[in-house]
């Protein structure tokens, strides 16, 4: 019985829904918004606001979302520090779940070299 309970507890996160503020926001702020945000919008793409980010995100269709395709292909972010498999899976799952982005949540760029 204890083994079953432990197994159940360990599998719950795999089935948990993605929370934008807890799971997605830190990835986008640390890895994307510095170059695609309010101050700099490379390729005229801003990912700090929902209305602009949804231009490259197709809710429920990660394979059709340019954001997901860019990170899985290794095209983004540029340089040596790519997203981890876990971060990519969070983005995939978030998009597959409908890419819910709470109202009035705007992202701010974070410096990856400073502690959070």
Protein backbone atom coordinates (compact mmCIF):
# COMPACT_ATOMS: atom_id res chain seq x y z
CA UNK A 1 0.00 0.00 0.00
CA UNK A 2 2.81 2.44 0.87
CA UNK A 3 4.56 1.65 -2.39
CA UNK A 4 1.38 2.38 -4.33
CA UNK A 5 0.92 5.71 -2.53
CA UNK A 6 4.52 6.68 -3.23
CA UNK A 7 4.16 5.74 -6.90
CA UNK A 8 0.98 7.82 -7.13
CA UNK A 9 2.65 10.86 -5.59
CA UNK A 10 5.61 10.61 -7.96
CA UNK A 11 3.39 10.43 -11.06
CA UNK A 12 1.11 13.34 -10.22
CA UNK A 13 3.47 16.03 -11.60
CA UNK A 14 3.52 14.26 -14.97
CA UNK A 15 -0.24 14.72 -15.23
CA UNK A 16 -0.44 18.19 -13.66
CA UNK A 17 -1.49 21.06 -15.84
CA UNK A 18 1.12 23.64 -16.71
CA UNK A 19 0.81 26.86 -14.75
CA UNK A 20 1.90 29.83 -16.87
CA UNK A 21 3.22 32.00 -14.04
CA UNK A 22 5.04 29.17 -12.27
CA UNK A 23 6.29 27.14 -15.26
CA UNK A 24 6.32 29.13 -18.52
CA UNK A 25 6.93 32.72 -17.48
CA UNK A 26 10.40 32.04 -15.99
CA UNK A 27 11.54 30.28 -19.18
CA UNK A 28 10.36 33.07 -21.48
CA UNK A 29 11.72 35.83 -19.22
CA UNK A 30 15.14 34.23 -18.84
CA UNK A 31 15.59 32.86 -22.37
CA UNK A 32 13.48 34.94 -24.77
CA UNK A 33 12.28 38.35 -23.61
CA UNK A 34 15.74 39.95 -23.47
CA UNK A 35 15.80 39.93 -27.29
CA UNK A 36 12.06 39.75 -27.97
CA UNK A 37 10.63 42.16 -25.43
CA UNK A 38 9.51 45.73 -24.86
CA UNK A 39 12.91 47.37 -25.39
CA UNK A 40 14.31 45.15 -28.14
CA UNK A 41 12.10 43.28 -30.59
CA UNK A 42 14.42 41.37 -32.90
CA UNK A 43 12.69 40.30 -36.12
CA UNK A 44 9.83 42.54 -34.91
CA UNK A 45 8.79 39.79 -32.49
CA UNK A 46 7.78 40.56 -28.93
CA UNK A 47 7.14 37.76 -26.47
CA UNK A 48 6.49 39.88 -23.41
CA UNK A 49 2.76 40.35 -24.11
CA UNK A 50 0.13 37.76 -24.88
CA UNK A 51 -1.27 39.51 -27.96
CA UNK A 52 2.16 39.65 -29.61
CA UNK A 53 3.36 36.22 -28.47
CA UNK A 54 0.27 34.53 -29.91
CA UNK A 55 1.49 35.53 -33.38
CA UNK A 56 4.01 32.65 -33.12
CA UNK A 57 1.99 30.30 -30.90
CA UNK A 58 -0.89 28.16 -32.14
CA UNK A 59 -2.83 27.01 -29.05
CA UNK A 60 -3.20 23.22 -28.84
CA UNK A 61 -0.79 22.75 -31.78
CA UNK A 62 2.87 22.78 -30.72
CA UNK A 63 3.95 21.39 -34.10
CA UNK A 64 2.39 24.41 -35.84
CA UNK A 65 3.79 26.96 -33.36
CA UNK A 66 6.85 28.84 -34.60
CA UNK A 67 8.01 29.40 -31.01
CA UNK A 68 8.08 25.65 -30.31
CA UNK A 69 9.67 24.82 -33.66
CA UNK A 70 12.41 27.43 -33.09
CA UNK A 71 13.41 25.97 -29.72
CA UNK A 72 13.19 22.32 -30.77
CA UNK A 73 15.30 22.92 -33.87
CA UNK A 74 17.98 24.67 -31.81
CA UNK A 75 17.52 27.89 -33.80
CA UNK A 76 16.51 29.76 -30.64
CA UNK A 77 17.90 30.93 -28.39
CA UNK A 78 21.11 31.69 -30.24
CA UNK A 79 24.45 30.72 -28.79
CA UNK A 80 25.53 27.74 -26.74
CA UNK A 81 22.92 27.91 -23.96
CA UNK A 82 19.88 26.18 -25.44
CA UNK A 83 16.70 25.25 -23.61
CA UNK A 84 16.86 22.03 -21.66
CA UNK A 85 14.70 19.05 -22.60
CA UNK A 86 12.58 19.78 -19.51
CA UNK A 87 12.04 23.44 -20.55
CA UNK A 88 11.10 22.39 -24.08
CA UNK A 89 8.63 19.85 -22.68
CA UNK A 90 7.04 22.53 -20.49
CA UNK A 91 6.55 24.76 -23.55
CA UNK A 92 5.20 21.85 -25.59
CA UNK A 93 2.75 20.83 -22.90
CA UNK A 94 1.67 24.43 -22.28
CA UNK A 95 0.93 24.97 -25.97
CA UNK A 96 -0.81 21.58 -26.24
CA UNK A 97 -3.00 22.50 -23.27
CA UNK A 98 -4.14 25.67 -25.04
CA UNK A 99 -1.37 28.16 -24.22
CA UNK A 100 -3.34 29.82 -21.43
CA UNK A 101 -1.82 33.22 -20.56
CA UNK A 102 -3.48 35.06 -17.66
CA UNK A 103 -4.90 38.51 -18.33
CA UNK A 104 -2.69 41.47 -17.49
CA UNK A 105 0.47 39.37 -17.19
CA UNK A 106 3.36 41.00 -18.99
CA UNK A 107 6.86 39.56 -18.97
CA UNK A 108 10.07 41.37 -18.06
CA UNK A 109 13.52 40.40 -19.33
CA UNK A 110 15.77 38.72 -16.75
CA UNK A 111 19.54 38.60 -16.75
CA UNK A 112 20.60 34.94 -16.95
CA UNK A 113 23.86 35.74 -15.19
CA UNK A 114 22.22 36.98 -11.99
CA UNK A 115 20.51 34.70 -9.44
CA UNK A 116 16.70 34.83 -9.55
